[in-house]
Amino acid sequence: RQAPGKEREFVAAISWSGDDKHYADSVKDRFTI
């Protein structure tokens, strides 16, 4: 994601199988990929 005036930042990633996921601390427990 990229907010106005800010650099683009990582939010979440998922492996090809969907078994592995990784979240930014700012969205952990609120967002699901």
PDB file of all heavy atoms in Angstrom:
ATOM      1  N   ARG A   1       0.838  -1.198   0.000  1.00  0.00           N
ATOM      2  CA  ARG A   1       0.000   0.000   0.000  1.00  0.00           C
ATOM      3  C   ARG A   1       0.871   1.246   0.000  1.00  0.00           C
ATOM      4  O   ARG A   1       2.027   1.217   0.440  1.00  0.00           O
ATOM      5  CB  ARG A   1      -0.949   0.010   1.202  1.00  0.00           C
ATOM      6  CG  ARG A   1      -0.259   0.154   2.558  1.00  0.00           C
ATOM      7  CD  ARG A   1      -1.275   0.006   3.676  1.00  0.00           C
ATOM      8  NE  ARG A   1      -0.656   0.167   4.997  1.00  0.00           N
ATOM      9  CZ  ARG A   1      -1.290  -0.028   6.140  1.00  0.00           C
ATOM     10  NH1 ARG A   1      -2.572  -0.405   6.146  1.00  0.00           N
ATOM     11  NH2 ARG A   1      -0.661   0.157   7.291  1.00  0.00           N
ATOM     12  N   GLN A   2       0.285   2.329  -0.484  1.00  0.00           N
ATOM     13  CA  GLN A   2       0.994   3.601  -0.513  1.00  0.00           C
ATOM     14  C   GLN A   2       0.037   4.711  -0.130  1.00  0.00           C
ATOM     15  O   GLN A   2      -0.960   4.948  -0.828  1.00  0.00           O
ATOM     16  CB  GLN A   2       1.600   3.866  -1.890  1.00  0.00           C
ATOM     17  CG  GLN A   2       2.487   5.096  -1.911  1.00  0.00           C
ATOM     18  CD  GLN A   2       3.318   5.168  -3.180  1.00  0.00           C
ATOM     19  OE1 GLN A   2       3.003   4.566  -4.185  1.00  0.00           O
ATOM     20  NE2 GLN A   2       4.421   5.909  -3.118  1.00  0.00           N
ATOM     21  N   ALA A   3       0.348   5.367   0.967  1.00  0.00           N
ATOM     22  CA  ALA A   3      -0.441   6.508   1.427  1.00  0.00           C
ATOM     23  C   ALA A   3       0.123   7.781   0.809  1.00  0.00           C
ATOM     24  O   ALA A   3       1.298   7.826   0.420  1.00  0.00           O
ATOM     25  CB  ALA A   3      -0.400   6.583   2.948  1.00  0.00           C
ATOM     26  N   PRO A   4      -0.679   8.835   0.723  1.00  0.00           N
ATOM     27  CA  PRO A   4      -0.201  10.093   0.128  1.00  0.00           C
ATOM     28  C   PRO A   4       1.043  10.602   0.839  1.00  0.00           C
ATOM     29  O   PRO A   4       1.088  10.673   2.069  1.00  0.00           O
ATOM     30  CB  PRO A   4      -1.386  11.041   0.333  1.00  0.00           C
ATOM     31  CG  PRO A   4      -2.573  10.149   0.411  1.00  0.00           C
ATOM     32  CD  PRO A   4      -2.100   8.906   1.088  1.00  0.00           C
ATOM     33  N   GLY A   5       2.060  10.924   0.058  1.00  0.00           N
ATOM     34  CA  GLY A   5       3.278  11.478   0.615  1.00  0.00           C
ATOM     35  C   GLY A   5       4.191  10.467   1.277  1.00  0.00           C
ATOM     36  O   GLY A   5       5.212  10.845   1.863  1.00  0.00           O
ATOM     37  N   LYS A   6       3.835   9.193   1.190  1.00  0.00           N
ATOM     38  CA  LYS A   6       4.652   8.155   1.823  1.00  0.00           C
ATOM     39  C   LYS A   6       5.122   7.143   0.791  1.00  0.00           C
ATOM     40  O   LYS A   6       4.564   7.040  -0.300  1.00  0.00           O
ATOM     41  CB  LYS A   6       3.851   7.454   2.920  1.00  0.00           C
ATOM     42  CG  LYS A   6       3.484   8.345   4.091  1.00  0.00           C
ATOM     43  CD  LYS A   6       2.853   7.553   5.205  1.00  0.00           C
ATOM     44  CE  LYS A   6       2.551   8.427   6.408  1.00  0.00           C
ATOM     45  NZ  LYS A   6       1.952   7.640   7.527  1.00  0.00           N
ATOM     46  N   GLU A   7       6.143   6.382   1.158  1.00  0.00           N
ATOM     47  CA  GLU A   7       6.629   5.343   0.277  1.00  0.00           C
ATOM     48  C   GLU A   7       5.700   4.132   0.330  1.00  0.00           C
ATOM     49  O   GLU A   7       4.975   3.925   1.299  1.00  0.00           O
ATOM     50  CB  GLU A   7       8.045   4.932   0.694  1.00  0.00           C
ATOM     51  CG  GLU A   7       9.082   6.013   0.483  1.00  0.00           C
ATOM     52  CD  GLU A   7      10.494   5.526   0.737  1.00  0.00           C
ATOM     53  OE1 GLU A   7      10.644   4.386   1.227  1.00  0.00           O
ATOM     54  OE2 GLU A   7      11.442   6.275   0.444  1.00  0.00           O
ATOM     55  N   ARG A   8       5.761   3.352  -0.724  1.00  0.00           N
ATOM     56  CA  ARG A   8       4.976   2.133  -0.756  1.00  0.00           C
ATOM     57  C   ARG A   8       5.496   1.182   0.317  1.00  0.00           C
ATOM     58  O   ARG A   8       6.706   1.025   0.479  1.00  0.00           O
ATOM     59  CB  ARG A   8       5.063   1.500  -2.151  1.00  0.00           C
ATOM     60  CG  ARG A   8       4.157   0.317  -2.358  1.00  0.00           C
ATOM     61  CD  ARG A   8       3.945   0.036  -3.825  1.00  0.00           C
ATOM     62  NE  ARG A   8       5.188  -0.138  -4.568  1.00  0.00           N
ATOM     63  CZ  ARG A   8       5.256  -0.201  -5.890  1.00  0.00           C
ATOM     64  NH1 ARG A   8       4.148  -0.115  -6.600  1.00  0.00           N
ATOM     65  NH2 ARG A   8       6.410  -0.379  -6.486  1.00  0.00           N
ATOM     66  N   GLU A   9       4.574   0.520   1.022  1.00  0.00           N
ATOM     67  CA  GLU A   9       4.979  -0.361   2.102  1.00  0.00           C
ATOM     68  C   GLU A   9       4.316  -1.726   1.987  1.00  0.00           C
ATOM     69  O   GLU A   9       3.202  -1.866   1.466  1.00  0.00           O
ATOM     70  CB  GLU A   9       4.640   0.254   3.465  1.00  0.00           C
ATOM     71  CG  GLU A   9       3.172   0.425   3.744  1.00  0.00           C
ATOM     72  CD  GLU A   9       2.906   0.890   5.176  1.00  0.00           C
ATOM     73  OE1 GLU A   9       3.857   1.083   5.955  1.00  0.00           O
ATOM     74  OE2 GLU A   9       1.710   1.038   5.516  1.00  0.00           O
ATOM     75  N   PHE A  10       5.013  -2.709   2.495  1.00  0.00           N
ATOM     76  CA  PHE A  10       4.531  -4.084   2.499  1.00  0.00           C
ATOM     77  C   PHE A  10       3.359  -4.235   3.452  1.00  0.00           C
ATOM     78  O   PHE A  10       3.349  -3.662   4.544  1.00  0.00           O
ATOM     79  CB  PHE A  10       5.675  -5.005   2.921  1.00  0.00           C
ATOM     80  CG  PHE A  10       5.271  -6.416   3.203  1.00  0.00           C
ATOM     81  CD1 PHE A  10       5.058  -7.303   2.159  1.00  0.00           C
ATOM     82  CD2 PHE A  10       5.093  -6.856   4.505  1.00  0.00           C
ATOM     83  CE1 PHE A  10       4.687  -8.607   2.412  1.00  0.00           C
ATOM     84  CE2 PHE A  10       4.727  -8.161   4.770  1.00  0.00           C
ATOM     85  CZ  PHE A  10       4.521  -9.038   3.727  1.00  0.00           C
ATOM     86  N   VAL A  11       2.370  -5.024   3.037  1.00  0.00           N
ATOM     87  CA  VAL A  11       1.220  -5.303   3.889  1.00  0.00           C
ATOM     88  C   VAL A  11       1.161  -6.794   4.251  1.00  0.00           C
ATOM     89  O   VAL A  11       1.117  -7.154   5.419  1.00  0.00           O
ATOM     90  CB  VAL A  11      -0.093  -4.896   3.192  1.00  0.00           C
ATOM     91  CG1 VAL A  11      -1.299  -5.304   4.029  1.00  0.00           C
ATOM     92  CG2 VAL A  11      -0.120  -3.397   2.922  1.00  0.00           C
ATOM     93  N   ALA A  12       1.159  -7.645   3.218  1.00  0.00           N
ATOM     94  CA  ALA A  12       1.034  -9.079   3.467  1.00  0.00           C
ATOM     95  C   ALA A  12       1.530  -9.862   2.264  1.00  0.00           C
ATOM     96  O   ALA A  12       1.478  -9.354   1.135  1.00  0.00           O
ATOM     97  CB  ALA A  12      -0.412  -9.456   3.768  1.00  0.00           C
ATOM     98  N   ALA A  13       1.987 -11.090   2.502  1.00  0.00           N
ATOM     99  CA  ALA A  13       2.424 -11.968   1.423  1.00  0.00           C
ATOM    100  C   ALA A  13       1.947 -13.382   1.707  1.00  0.00           C
ATOM    101  O   ALA A  13       1.739 -13.755   2.866  1.00  0.00           O
ATOM    102  CB  ALA A  13       3.938 -11.941   1.274  1.00  0.00           C
ATOM    103  N   ILE A  14       1.797 -14.152   0.632  1.00  0.00           N
ATOM    104  CA  ILE A  14       1.318 -15.527   0.762  1.00  0.00           C
ATOM    105  C   ILE A  14       2.092 -16.412  -0.192  1.00  0.00           C
ATOM    106  O   ILE A  14       2.389 -16.018  -1.317  1.00  0.00           O
ATOM    107  CB  ILE A  14      -0.212 -15.586   0.496  1.00  0.00           C
ATOM    108  CG1 ILE A  14      -0.773 -16.970   0.802  1.00  0.00           C
ATOM    109  CG2 ILE A  14      -0.540 -15.144  -0.923  1.00  0.00           C
ATOM    110  CD1 ILE A  14      -2.306 -16.990   0.824  1.00  0.00           C
ATOM    111  N   SER A  15       2.419 -17.614   0.263  1.00  0.00           N
ATOM    112  CA  SER A  15       3.147 -18.560  -0.577  1.00  0.00           C
ATOM    113  C   SER A  15       2.231 -19.123  -1.649  1.00  0.00           C
ATOM    114  O   SER A  15       1.008 -18.968  -1.603  1.00  0.00           O
ATOM    115  CB  SER A  15       3.700 -19.691   0.294  1.00  0.00           C
ATOM    116  OG  SER A  15       2.628 -20.420   0.889  1.00  0.00           O
ATOM    117  N   TRP A  16       2.814 -19.833  -2.604  1.00  0.00           N
ATOM    118  CA  TRP A  16       2.040 -20.342  -3.720  1.00  0.00           C
ATOM    119  C   TRP A  16       0.952 -21.294  -3.261  1.00  0.00           C
ATOM    120  O   TRP A  16      -0.127 -21.344  -3.852  1.00  0.00           O
ATOM    121  CB  TRP A  16       2.955 -21.046  -4.726  1.00  0.00           C
ATOM    122  CG  TRP A  16       3.502 -22.350  -4.242  1.00  0.00           C
ATOM    123  CD1 TRP A  16       4.670 -22.551  -3.545  1.00  0.00           C
ATOM    124  CD2 TRP A  16       2.902 -23.646  -4.386  1.00  0.00           C
ATOM    125  NE1 TRP A  16       4.817 -23.868  -3.244  1.00  0.00           N
ATOM    126  CE2 TRP A  16       3.756 -24.564  -3.754  1.00  0.00           C
ATOM    127  CE3 TRP A  16       1.730 -24.111  -4.986  1.00  0.00           C
ATOM    128  CZ2 TRP A  16       3.474 -25.915  -3.711  1.00  0.00           C
ATOM    129  CZ3 TRP A  16       1.441 -25.456  -4.949  1.00  0.00           C
ATOM    130  CH2 TRP A  16       2.309 -26.346  -4.319  1.00  0.00           C
ATOM    131  N   SER A  17       1.219 -22.044  -2.193  1.00  0.00           N
ATOM    132  CA  SER A  17       0.245 -23.018  -1.710  1.00  0.00           C
ATOM    133  C   SER A  17      -0.785 -22.398  -0.773  1.00  0.00           C
ATOM    134  O   SER A  17      -1.825 -22.996  -0.511  1.00  0.00           O
ATOM    135  CB  SER A  17       0.968 -24.139  -0.970  1.00  0.00           C
ATOM    136  OG  SER A  17       1.568 -23.636   0.208  1.00  0.00           O
ATOM    137  N   GLY A  18      -0.463 -21.227  -0.255  1.00  0.00           N
ATOM    138  CA  GLY A  18      -1.336 -20.606   0.736  1.00  0.00           C
ATOM    139  C   GLY A  18      -1.022 -21.029   2.155  1.00  0.00           C
ATOM    140  O   GLY A  18      -1.632 -20.528   3.101  1.00  0.00           O
ATOM    141  N   ASP A  19      -0.070 -21.923   2.320  1.00  0.00           N
ATOM    142  CA  ASP A  19       0.243 -22.436   3.648  1.00  0.00           C
ATOM    143  C   ASP A  19       1.044 -21.442   4.482  1.00  0.00           C
ATOM    144  O   ASP A  19       0.966 -21.456   5.712  1.00  0.00           O
ATOM    145  CB  ASP A  19       1.026 -23.743   3.542  1.00  0.00           C
ATOM    146  CG  ASP A  19       0.173 -24.885   3.014  1.00  0.00           C
ATOM    147  OD1 ASP A  19      -1.065 -24.783   3.106  1.00  0.00           O
ATOM    148  OD2 ASP A  19       0.744 -25.862   2.497  1.00  0.00           O
ATOM    149  N   ASP A  20       1.843 -20.633   3.816  1.00  0.00           N
ATOM    150  CA  ASP A  20       2.682 -19.669   4.531  1.00  0.00           C
ATOM    151  C   ASP A  20       2.211 -18.258   4.248  1.00  0.00           C
ATOM    152  O   ASP A  20       1.955 -17.900   3.093  1.00  0.00           O
ATOM    153  CB  ASP A  20       4.144 -19.818   4.106  1.00  0.00           C
ATOM    154  CG  ASP A  20       4.712 -21.169   4.510  1.00  0.00           C
ATOM    155  OD1 ASP A  20       4.460 -21.593   5.649  1.00  0.00           O
ATOM    156  OD2 ASP A  20       5.391 -21.792   3.674  1.00  0.00           O
ATOM    157  N   LYS A  21       2.110 -17.459   5.309  1.00  0.00           N
ATOM    158  CA  LYS A  21       1.679 -16.072   5.187  1.00  0.00           C
ATOM    159  C   LYS A  21       2.561 -15.208   6.079  1.00  0.00           C
ATOM    160  O   LYS A  21       3.079 -15.666   7.101  1.00  0.00           O
ATOM    161  CB  LYS A  21       0.211 -15.925   5.608  1.00  0.00           C
ATOM    162  CG  LYS A  21      -0.744 -16.804   4.811  1.00  0.00           C
ATOM    163  CD  LYS A  21      -2.156 -16.716   5.334  1.00  0.00           C
ATOM    164  CE  LYS A  21      -3.069 -17.683   4.579  1.00  0.00           C
ATOM    165  NZ  LYS A  21      -4.472 -17.607   5.077  1.00  0.00           N
ATOM    166  N   HIS A  22       2.711 -13.982   5.675  1.00  0.00           N
ATOM    167  CA  HIS A  22       3.518 -13.036   6.456  1.00  0.00           C
ATOM    168  C   HIS A  22       2.838 -11.675   6.399  1.00  0.00           C
ATOM    169  O   HIS A  22       2.352 -11.265   5.339  1.00  0.00           O
ATOM    170  CB  HIS A  22       4.927 -12.947   5.890  1.00  0.00           C
ATOM    171  CG  HIS A  22       5.812 -12.014   6.639  1.00  0.00           C
ATOM    172  ND1 HIS A  22       6.098 -12.171   7.978  1.00  0.00           N
ATOM    173  CD2 HIS A  22       6.468 -10.890   6.243  1.00  0.00           C
ATOM    174  CE1 HIS A  22       6.890 -11.195   8.373  1.00  0.00           C
ATOM    175  NE2 HIS A  22       7.131 -10.410   7.337  1.00  0.00           N
ATOM    176  N   TYR A  23       2.777 -11.005   7.550  1.00  0.00           N
ATOM    177  CA  TYR A  23       2.083  -9.730   7.634  1.00  0.00           C
ATOM    178  C   TYR A  23       2.990  -8.649   8.217  1.00  0.00           C
ATOM    179  O   TYR A  23       3.857  -8.933   9.046  1.00  0.00           O
ATOM    180  CB  TYR A  23       0.853  -9.851   8.531  1.00  0.00           C
ATOM    181  CG  TYR A  23      -0.192 -10.819   8.030  1.00  0.00           C
ATOM    182  CD1 TYR A  23      -0.198 -12.144   8.441  1.00  0.00           C
ATOM    183  CD2 TYR A  23      -1.169 -10.399   7.136  1.00  0.00           C
ATOM    184  CE1 TYR A  23      -1.157 -13.039   7.978  1.00  0.00           C
ATOM    185  CE2 TYR A  23      -2.139 -11.283   6.670  1.00  0.00           C
ATOM    186  CZ  TYR A  23      -2.118 -12.601   7.090  1.00  0.00           C
ATOM    187  OH  TYR A  23      -3.067 -13.482   6.623  1.00  0.00           O
ATOM    188  N   ALA A  24       2.737  -7.425   7.801  1.00  0.00           N
ATOM    189  CA  ALA A  24       3.368  -6.297   8.469  1.00  0.00           C
ATOM    190  C   ALA A  24       2.798  -6.198   9.884  1.00  0.00           C
ATOM    191  O   ALA A  24       1.626  -6.523  10.117  1.00  0.00           O
ATOM    192  CB  ALA A  24       3.092  -5.015   7.696  1.00  0.00           C
ATOM    193  N   ASP A  25       3.613  -5.750  10.817  1.00  0.00           N
ATOM    194  CA  ASP A  25       3.155  -5.649  12.201  1.00  0.00           C
ATOM    195  C   ASP A  25       1.917  -4.757  12.331  1.00  0.00           C
ATOM    196  O   ASP A  25       1.046  -4.997  13.169  1.00  0.00           O
ATOM    197  CB  ASP A  25       4.278  -5.097  13.086  1.00  0.00           C
ATOM    198  CG  ASP A  25       5.395  -6.102  13.302  1.00  0.00           C
ATOM    199  OD1 ASP A  25       5.165  -7.314  13.073  1.00  0.00           O
ATOM    200  OD2 ASP A  25       6.492  -5.681  13.697  1.00  0.00           O
ATOM    201  N   SER A  26       1.838  -3.746  11.498  1.00  0.00           N
ATOM    202  CA  SER A  26       0.741  -2.771  11.589  1.00  0.00           C
ATOM    203  C   SER A  26      -0.619  -3.363  11.230  1.00  0.00           C
ATOM    204  O   SER A  26      -1.653  -2.776  11.574  1.00  0.00           O
ATOM    205  CB  SER A  26       1.033  -1.573  10.690  1.00  0.00           C
ATOM    206  OG  SER A  26       1.190  -1.988   9.346  1.00  0.00           O
ATOM    207  N   VAL A  27      -0.629  -4.498  10.531  1.00  0.00           N
ATOM    208  CA  VAL A  27      -1.915  -5.081  10.109  1.00  0.00           C
ATOM    209  C   VAL A  27      -2.154  -6.465  10.686  1.00  0.00           C
ATOM    210  O   VAL A  27      -3.226  -7.041  10.487  1.00  0.00           O
ATOM    211  CB  VAL A  27      -2.026  -5.150   8.570  1.00  0.00           C
ATOM    212  CG1 VAL A  27      -1.760  -3.783   7.956  1.00  0.00           C
ATOM    213  CG2 VAL A  27      -1.080  -6.200   7.987  1.00  0.00           C
ATOM    214  N   LYS A  28      -1.174  -6.976  11.392  1.00  0.00           N
ATOM    215  CA  LYS A  28      -1.285  -8.326  11.955  1.00  0.00           C
ATOM    216  C   LYS A  28      -2.509  -8.411  12.858  1.00  0.00           C
ATOM    217  O   LYS A  28      -2.797  -7.488  13.618  1.00  0.00           O
ATOM    218  CB  LYS A  28      -0.019  -8.657  12.727  1.00  0.00           C
ATOM    219  CG  LYS A  28       0.236 -10.135  12.932  1.00  0.00           C
ATOM    220  CD  LYS A  28       1.623 -10.350  13.525  1.00  0.00           C
ATOM    221  CE  LYS A  28       2.713  -9.943  12.565  1.00  0.00           C
ATOM    222  NZ  LYS A  28       4.067 -10.219  13.091  1.00  0.00           N
ATOM    223  N   ASP A  29      -3.226  -9.495  12.761  1.00  0.00           N
ATOM    224  CA  ASP A  29      -4.441  -9.768  13.543  1.00  0.00           C
ATOM    225  C   ASP A  29      -5.654  -8.966  13.064  1.00  0.00           C
ATOM    226  O   ASP A  29      -6.747  -9.126  13.616  1.00  0.00           O
ATOM    227  CB  ASP A  29      -4.222  -9.498  15.044  1.00  0.00           C
ATOM    228  CG  ASP A  29      -3.138 -10.382  15.641  1.00  0.00           C
ATOM    229  OD1 ASP A  29      -3.022 -11.541  15.211  1.00  0.00           O
ATOM    230  OD2 ASP A  29      -2.417  -9.894  16.530  1.00  0.00           O
ATOM    231  N   ARG A  30      -5.482  -8.128  12.065  1.00  0.00           N
ATOM    232  CA  ARG A  30      -6.619  -7.395  11.499  1.00  0.00           C
ATOM    233  C   ARG A  30      -6.857  -7.771  10.040  1.00  0.00           C
ATOM    234  O   ARG A  30      -8.006  -7.790   9.582  1.00  0.00           O
ATOM    235  CB  ARG A  30      -6.395  -5.877  11.602  1.00  0.00           C
ATOM    236  CG  ARG A  30      -6.253  -5.361  13.008  1.00  0.00           C
ATOM    237  CD  ARG A  30      -6.251  -3.833  13.035  1.00  0.00           C
ATOM    238  NE  ARG A  30      -5.129  -3.263  12.289  1.00  0.00           N
ATOM    239  CZ  ARG A  30      -5.272  -2.406  11.270  1.00  0.00           C
ATOM    240  NH1 ARG A  30      -6.466  -2.036  10.884  1.00  0.00           N
ATOM    241  NH2 ARG A  30      -4.196  -1.910  10.674  1.00  0.00           N
ATOM    242  N   PHE A  31      -5.790  -8.037   9.303  1.00  0.00           N
ATOM    243  CA  PHE A  31      -5.882  -8.352   7.878  1.00  0.00           C
ATOM    244  C   PHE A  31      -5.572  -9.835   7.664  1.00  0.00           C
ATOM    245  O   PHE A  31      -4.764 -10.429   8.381  1.00  0.00           O
ATOM    246  CB  PHE A  31      -4.880  -7.526   7.072  1.00  0.00           C
ATOM    247  CG  PHE A  31      -5.181  -6.057   6.985  1.00  0.00           C
ATOM    248  CD1 PHE A  31      -6.155  -5.448   7.764  1.00  0.00           C
ATOM    249  CD2 PHE A  31      -4.453  -5.255   6.108  1.00  0.00           C
ATOM    250  CE1 PHE A  31      -6.417  -4.090   7.675  1.00  0.00           C
ATOM    251  CE2 PHE A  31      -4.699  -3.897   6.002  1.00  0.00           C
ATOM    252  CZ  PHE A  31      -5.674  -3.312   6.792  1.00  0.00           C
ATOM    253  N   THR A  32      -6.196 -10.397   6.631  1.00  0.00           N
ATOM    254  CA  THR A  32      -5.942 -11.785   6.256  1.00  0.00           C
ATOM    255  C   THR A  32      -5.772 -11.884   4.750  1.00  0.00           C
ATOM    256  O   THR A  32      -6.654 -11.469   4.000  1.00  0.00           O
ATOM    257  CB  THR A  32      -7.084 -12.704   6.697  1.00  0.00           C
ATOM    258  OG1 THR A  32      -7.263 -12.602   8.124  1.00  0.00           O
ATOM    259  CG2 THR A  32      -6.770 -14.155   6.341  1.00  0.00           C
ATOM    260  N   ILE A  33      -4.652 -12.446   4.334  1.00  0.00           N
ATOM    261  CA  ILE A  33      -4.402 -12.669   2.909  1.00  0.00           C
ATOM    262  C   ILE A  33      -4.760 -14.112   2.583  1.00  0.00           C
ATOM    263  O   ILE A  33      -4.541 -15.026   3.392  1.00  0.00           O
ATOM    264  CB  ILE A  33      -2.933 -12.363   2.545  1.00  0.00           C
ATOM    265  CG1 ILE A  33      -2.734 -12.393   1.024  1.00  0.00           C
ATOM    266  CG2 ILE A  33      -1.964 -13.295   3.260  1.00  0.00           C
ATOM    267  CD1 ILE A  33      -1.355 -11.888   0.590  1.00  0.00           C
TER     268      ILE A  33
END
